[in-house]
Protein backbone atom coordinates (compact mmCIF):
# COMPACT_ATOMS: atom_id res chain seq x y z
CA UNK A 1 0.00 0.00 0.00
CA UNK A 2 2.73 2.49 0.95
CA UNK A 3 4.69 1.74 -2.22
CA UNK A 4 1.66 2.63 -4.34
CA UNK A 5 1.12 5.83 -2.36
CA UNK A 6 4.77 6.81 -2.72
CA UNK A 7 4.77 6.08 -6.44
CA UNK A 8 1.66 8.21 -6.98
CA UNK A 9 3.11 11.07 -4.94
CA UNK A 10 6.36 10.95 -6.92
CA UNK A 11 4.42 11.02 -10.18
CA UNK A 12 2.39 14.05 -9.07
CA UNK A 13 5.56 15.91 -8.06
CA UNK A 14 7.29 15.06 -11.33
CA UNK A 15 4.25 16.04 -13.36
CA UNK A 16 4.03 19.34 -11.46
CA UNK A 17 7.63 20.22 -12.27
CA UNK A 18 7.29 19.13 -15.89
CA UNK A 19 4.12 21.18 -16.35
CA UNK A 20 5.68 24.24 -14.68
CA UNK A 21 8.80 24.18 -16.83
CA UNK A 22 7.46 23.09 -20.22
CA UNK A 23 3.90 24.41 -20.22
CA UNK A 24 4.08 27.44 -17.93
CA UNK A 25 7.64 28.33 -19.02
CA UNK A 26 8.87 28.70 -15.42
CA UNK A 27 12.53 28.52 -14.46
CA UNK A 28 12.94 25.19 -12.64
CA UNK A 29 15.21 26.43 -9.85
CA UNK A 30 13.09 29.49 -9.12
CA UNK A 31 9.86 27.50 -9.29
CA UNK A 32 11.17 24.80 -6.95
CA UNK A 33 12.47 27.33 -4.40
CA UNK A 34 9.10 29.07 -4.51
CA UNK A 35 7.36 25.69 -4.10
CA UNK A 36 9.29 25.16 -0.88
CA UNK A 37 8.52 28.69 0.38
CA UNK A 38 4.82 28.41 -0.45
CA UNK A 39 4.18 25.81 2.25
CA UNK A 40 2.84 23.27 -0.23
CA UNK A 41 6.10 21.30 -0.10
CA UNK A 42 5.69 20.86 3.66
CA UNK A 43 2.10 19.74 3.25
CA UNK A 44 3.08 17.42 0.41
CA UNK A 45 5.91 15.95 2.49
CA UNK A 46 3.53 15.38 5.40
CA UNK A 47 1.38 13.30 3.06
CA UNK A 48 -1.61 15.61 2.89
CA UNK A 49 -3.95 13.79 0.48
CA UNK A 50 -5.03 17.00 -1.24
CA UNK A 51 -1.53 17.34 -2.65
CA UNK A 52 -0.25 13.77 -2.88
CA UNK A 53 -3.22 12.15 -4.62
CA UNK A 54 -6.02 14.72 -4.81
CA UNK A 55 -4.54 16.92 -7.51
CA UNK A 56 -2.84 16.39 -10.82
CA UNK A 57 0.63 17.82 -11.31
CA UNK A 58 -0.80 20.63 -13.44
CA UNK A 59 -3.34 21.51 -10.74
CA UNK A 60 -0.65 21.55 -8.09
CA UNK A 61 1.59 23.79 -10.21
CA UNK A 62 -1.15 26.34 -10.80
CA UNK A 63 -2.23 26.16 -7.13
CA UNK A 64 1.36 26.74 -6.09
CA UNK A 65 1.76 29.72 -8.40
CA UNK A 66 -1.40 31.38 -7.09
CA UNK A 67 -0.26 30.91 -3.47
CA UNK A 68 3.27 32.10 -4.23
CA UNK A 69 2.05 35.21 -6.02
CA UNK A 70 -0.01 36.09 -2.93
CA UNK A 71 3.08 35.67 -0.71
CA UNK A 72 5.11 38.07 -2.85
CA UNK A 73 2.46 40.79 -2.92
C-alpha atoms as a PDB file:
ATOM      1  CA  UNK A   1       0.000   0.000   0.000  1.00  0.00           C
ATOM      2  CA  UNK A   2       2.730   2.490   0.945  1.00  0.00           C
ATOM      3  CA  UNK A   3       4.692   1.738  -2.221  1.00  0.00           C
ATOM      4  CA  UNK A   4       1.657   2.626  -4.341  1.00  0.00           C
ATOM      5  CA  UNK A   5       1.116   5.835  -2.356  1.00  0.00           C
ATOM      6  CA  UNK A   6       4.773   6.807  -2.716  1.00  0.00           C
ATOM      7  CA  UNK A   7       4.771   6.080  -6.440  1.00  0.00           C
ATOM      8  CA  UNK A   8       1.655   8.211  -6.983  1.00  0.00           C
ATOM      9  CA  UNK A   9       3.106  11.073  -4.942  1.00  0.00           C
ATOM     10  CA  UNK A  10       6.361  10.948  -6.922  1.00  0.00           C
ATOM     11  CA  UNK A  11       4.421  11.024 -10.184  1.00  0.00           C
ATOM     12  CA  UNK A  12       2.393  14.053  -9.069  1.00  0.00           C
ATOM     13  CA  UNK A  13       5.557  15.912  -8.055  1.00  0.00           C
ATOM     14  CA  UNK A  14       7.293  15.058 -11.326  1.00  0.00           C
ATOM     15  CA  UNK A  15       4.249  16.038 -13.357  1.00  0.00           C
ATOM     16  CA  UNK A  16       4.031  19.337 -11.459  1.00  0.00           C
ATOM     17  CA  UNK A  17       7.635  20.221 -12.269  1.00  0.00           C
ATOM     18  CA  UNK A  18       7.293  19.133 -15.892  1.00  0.00           C
ATOM     19  CA  UNK A  19       4.122  21.185 -16.349  1.00  0.00           C
ATOM     20  CA  UNK A  20       5.678  24.237 -14.683  1.00  0.00           C
ATOM     21  CA  UNK A  21       8.801  24.183 -16.833  1.00  0.00           C
ATOM     22  CA  UNK A  22       7.456  23.089 -20.215  1.00  0.00           C
ATOM     23  CA  UNK A  23       3.902  24.412 -20.219  1.00  0.00           C
ATOM     24  CA  UNK A  24       4.078  27.435 -17.927  1.00  0.00           C
ATOM     25  CA  UNK A  25       7.638  28.330 -19.017  1.00  0.00           C
ATOM     26  CA  UNK A  26       8.866  28.697 -15.423  1.00  0.00           C
ATOM     27  CA  UNK A  27      12.529  28.521 -14.457  1.00  0.00           C
ATOM     28  CA  UNK A  28      12.936  25.186 -12.642  1.00  0.00           C
ATOM     29  CA  UNK A  29      15.208  26.430  -9.853  1.00  0.00           C
ATOM     30  CA  UNK A  30      13.087  29.492  -9.116  1.00  0.00           C
ATOM     31  CA  UNK A  31       9.858  27.498  -9.290  1.00  0.00           C
ATOM     32  CA  UNK A  32      11.172  24.800  -6.947  1.00  0.00           C
ATOM     33  CA  UNK A  33      12.472  27.325  -4.400  1.00  0.00           C
ATOM     34  CA  UNK A  34       9.099  29.070  -4.511  1.00  0.00           C
ATOM     35  CA  UNK A  35       7.362  25.694  -4.105  1.00  0.00           C
ATOM     36  CA  UNK A  36       9.289  25.159  -0.881  1.00  0.00           C
ATOM     37  CA  UNK A  37       8.524  28.691   0.378  1.00  0.00           C
ATOM     38  CA  UNK A  38       4.821  28.414  -0.447  1.00  0.00           C
ATOM     39  CA  UNK A  39       4.179  25.806   2.246  1.00  0.00           C
ATOM     40  CA  UNK A  40       2.835  23.272  -0.229  1.00  0.00           C
ATOM     41  CA  UNK A  41       6.102  21.301  -0.099  1.00  0.00           C
ATOM     42  CA  UNK A  42       5.693  20.859   3.660  1.00  0.00           C
ATOM     43  CA  UNK A  43       2.101  19.744   3.255  1.00  0.00           C
ATOM     44  CA  UNK A  44       3.083  17.424   0.410  1.00  0.00           C
ATOM     45  CA  UNK A  45       5.906  15.952   2.492  1.00  0.00           C
ATOM     46  CA  UNK A  46       3.531  15.378   5.395  1.00  0.00           C
ATOM     47  CA  UNK A  47       1.378  13.295   3.062  1.00  0.00           C
ATOM     48  CA  UNK A  48      -1.609  15.612   2.890  1.00  0.00           C
ATOM     49  CA  UNK A  49      -3.950  13.788   0.481  1.00  0.00           C
ATOM     50  CA  UNK A  50      -5.034  17.002  -1.241  1.00  0.00           C
ATOM     51  CA  UNK A  51      -1.527  17.345  -2.651  1.00  0.00           C
ATOM     52  CA  UNK A  52      -0.253  13.771  -2.879  1.00  0.00           C
ATOM     53  CA  UNK A  53      -3.224  12.146  -4.618  1.00  0.00           C
ATOM     54  CA  UNK A  54      -6.020  14.722  -4.811  1.00  0.00           C
ATOM     55  CA  UNK A  55      -4.539  16.918  -7.514  1.00  0.00           C
ATOM     56  CA  UNK A  56      -2.841  16.394 -10.818  1.00  0.00           C
ATOM     57  CA  UNK A  57       0.628  17.820 -11.308  1.00  0.00           C
ATOM     58  CA  UNK A  58      -0.805  20.628 -13.436  1.00  0.00           C
ATOM     59  CA  UNK A  59      -3.337  21.512 -10.740  1.00  0.00           C
ATOM     60  CA  UNK A  60      -0.648  21.547  -8.086  1.00  0.00           C
ATOM     61  CA  UNK A  61       1.594  23.785 -10.214  1.00  0.00           C
ATOM     62  CA  UNK A  62      -1.147  26.343 -10.796  1.00  0.00           C
ATOM     63  CA  UNK A  63      -2.227  26.162  -7.129  1.00  0.00           C
ATOM     64  CA  UNK A  64       1.364  26.741  -6.088  1.00  0.00           C
ATOM     65  CA  UNK A  65       1.756  29.724  -8.404  1.00  0.00           C
ATOM     66  CA  UNK A  66      -1.400  31.380  -7.091  1.00  0.00           C
ATOM     67  CA  UNK A  67      -0.262  30.907  -3.469  1.00  0.00           C
ATOM     68  CA  UNK A  68       3.269  32.098  -4.227  1.00  0.00           C
ATOM     69  CA  UNK A  69       2.049  35.206  -6.017  1.00  0.00           C
ATOM     70  CA  UNK A  70      -0.015  36.094  -2.932  1.00  0.00           C
ATOM     71  CA  UNK A  71       3.077  35.673  -0.707  1.00  0.00           C
ATOM     72  CA  UNK A  72       5.112  38.066  -2.846  1.00  0.00           C
ATOM     73  CA  UNK A  73       2.455  40.793  -2.923  1.00  0.00           C
END
